[in-house]
């Protein structure tokens, strides 16, 4: 450990907040005091305070307090971040504050407010884990630590005390009610029945003197070890826990995590009475009384030599951290034992003693007084309060060893006031004021008296400038040119006609209001037939027969939703495309136009497809997609389909029109219509499989509940079954390919051709 401490001291500058907390916690747990290292860790902790986590902060203040190097500078940070602490962190900082020299430490007040106002003490989780006993033992230890800290500092209010007591007793009640399997922890080896029986002849057997509900008083004869923490040494004594386990069936006497129900220990050669918790509730009640200092322990020691009368108090460190027996050690924790000789003769002396609890390391331990036993609690409380007030008064009246007062000469008048300097300053101010008055008088005289150079006395006869006529002629020329420019500006006619713009805007509105809805509503049967083809292998004629199976009007099922979205849809295909293409090019315009079109018509087309599916198979889709919702299953497929269709409209129609004009040798409206129709047919053929995949996705409800990987597998399987035929042992195109290409071409080509016809008709009939 010495080499480890040296290495840590050398690399202290590289330590972070967690590193400092881990190192100082390790040395405090092992009770190793390396003063140079601890002081360096204290400086490093103050340096890394902002980056410390709440757990590191609480461990750091606890470890430094244990090693007698309190870090009071970290207490404000603990108060600020106190709501982030867990129960262990609150117990650590409360223990640290209770071991300080101030019983009214603000950290205790902040912790008390947090414990009374928050739910951190409530057992709100159901216990089902296998290590429940270890967890509850750890939880009860934190509660006991809080009880001791507030009780020892005199700040345990009735409200907080009731909450802590209720929580501790609830732990015992819940553990007693549990019916889980025994905890799978490794318990220390117990003496066998044969070993105990063979030793009873020499040592005697313990006896249960008083047995209450959950609490027993046991007489321990010499030769028995109170193995409270499973640290027994069978060579020195028999384990008392083995006897208790023979008498009690409760699980608490079989768990080392709960110290087998013992609350204090007794040496192997000694005999006496012990308090034992025989169930979890009884142990919790004993722990509450022990940490509230309601239980005191007295020992009677028979010595074989004269006991010095001057020795009334034994104050030596005791090492009880290491496994095995406790022993006197310089590195142990302080222990205070009060001794008084009551009877004696020439050979034997009877010395009753009262031993206090093994107290933790703290700076103020030497100046505190024990208050285990008092005649009157009220009087003792007033005495302690008066002593604390006297201590605070002494602290306030403390005077430093170095006199920090100012020198007495500073109070002398001639030292504080420099009369000579004040006289010199006054004379200087008078001189400056006199010079300013003289300067002001001179400036006033200059302003009142006309100067020869100012031209006030010069004759006005003759021209002022030799180039006056030339300058006047130039100014006249510039004025004439400005008038000519103004006249040309006023006579200029505008190139753009805002009246025509307004007229064009009204035409566009009419195209969208009349052409779009009429076209999209007219092609509804083609769209419904495509939707049914996504889940059926029937022919095109059979699909159209299914569309009109309920009558002629049923063929337009769901068409009203797509008709409503047609106005913004065709506005997107026209003006919106040109706007996007102006800054992102043709490819970017196609992509952005397709995405915008999907956001507009996705809800309407999905609703239309699902209604057509329900018309064929009523109830197949329980919840139809809302027409106003612009997203859902198959959204990405819908965007990809629109990209292909828009690319055909904007990229394929012009080449097709040029080819037709080259073949026919003519260029008129018919060749334009034929070119647009041909380009749209090609785009429809390319987008047909994608459209059918979209129809399959939105009309198959069970597809939505599958994981993403299984959804992709289902989609690939659909495309293979739809367009590939492997029945003859070879893979070839299915007969559904020409059907889907024909139906998709009819839908897209007819829709765009009808829209173009309506648009041209409205333009021709529009009043000029």
Foldseek 3Di string as FASTA:
>chain_A
DVVVLVVCLVCVVVDALQRLLVVLLVCLLVLHADPVSLVSSLVSNVVRVVVHDLVSLLSNQLSCQLNANHNVVSLVVCLVCVVVDALQSLLSVLLSQLQAPALVDVSLVSSLVCLLPDCRLPPPDDDDDLQVVLVLLVVLVSLLSNLLSCLSSVNCDPSNLVSSLVSLLVSQVVLQPDDDDARPDDAADADDPVVVVVCCVPWNDKDFPDDDVQKTKIKGTAQEWLQQQRLEDVVRHHHPLVVLVVVAVECLLVDNSNSSQFDDTDDRRDIDIGMGGRGSNSSSVVSSCVSNLVDWDKDKDKDFADDDQVPFKDWFFWAPSDRDDIDTDNSHAIWIKGWHWDDDDHTITIIMITTDDRDGRHDCPVVDDDPSDDPDPVVVVVVVVVVSVVVVVCVVPDDDPDDPDDDPVCPDPCNVDPVVVVVVVVVVVVVVVVVVVVVVVVVVVPVVDDDPVVCPPPDPPDDPDPCVVVVVVVVVVVVVVVVVVVVVVVPDDDPDDVVVVVVVVVLLQCLLLPLQLVLQQVLQLLLLLLLVLLPDPDFSVVSSCLCCVVHPVSSSQLSVLRSVLRSVLVVLLPPVLVVQCVPPNNLRSLLVSLLVNLQRAVLSSLLSSQRSVCSNPPPLDVDRRHSNHSDDWLSVLSSVLSSLQSCLQVPQLVVQLVVQCVVVVDDDPVSSLVSNLVSNLVSLLVSLLSVSLSSNGSNHVVLVPDDPVVNVVVSVVSSCVQFWDCPVVDTDGDPNSVRSSVSSSCSRSSSVSSSVVVSVVSVVPPDD
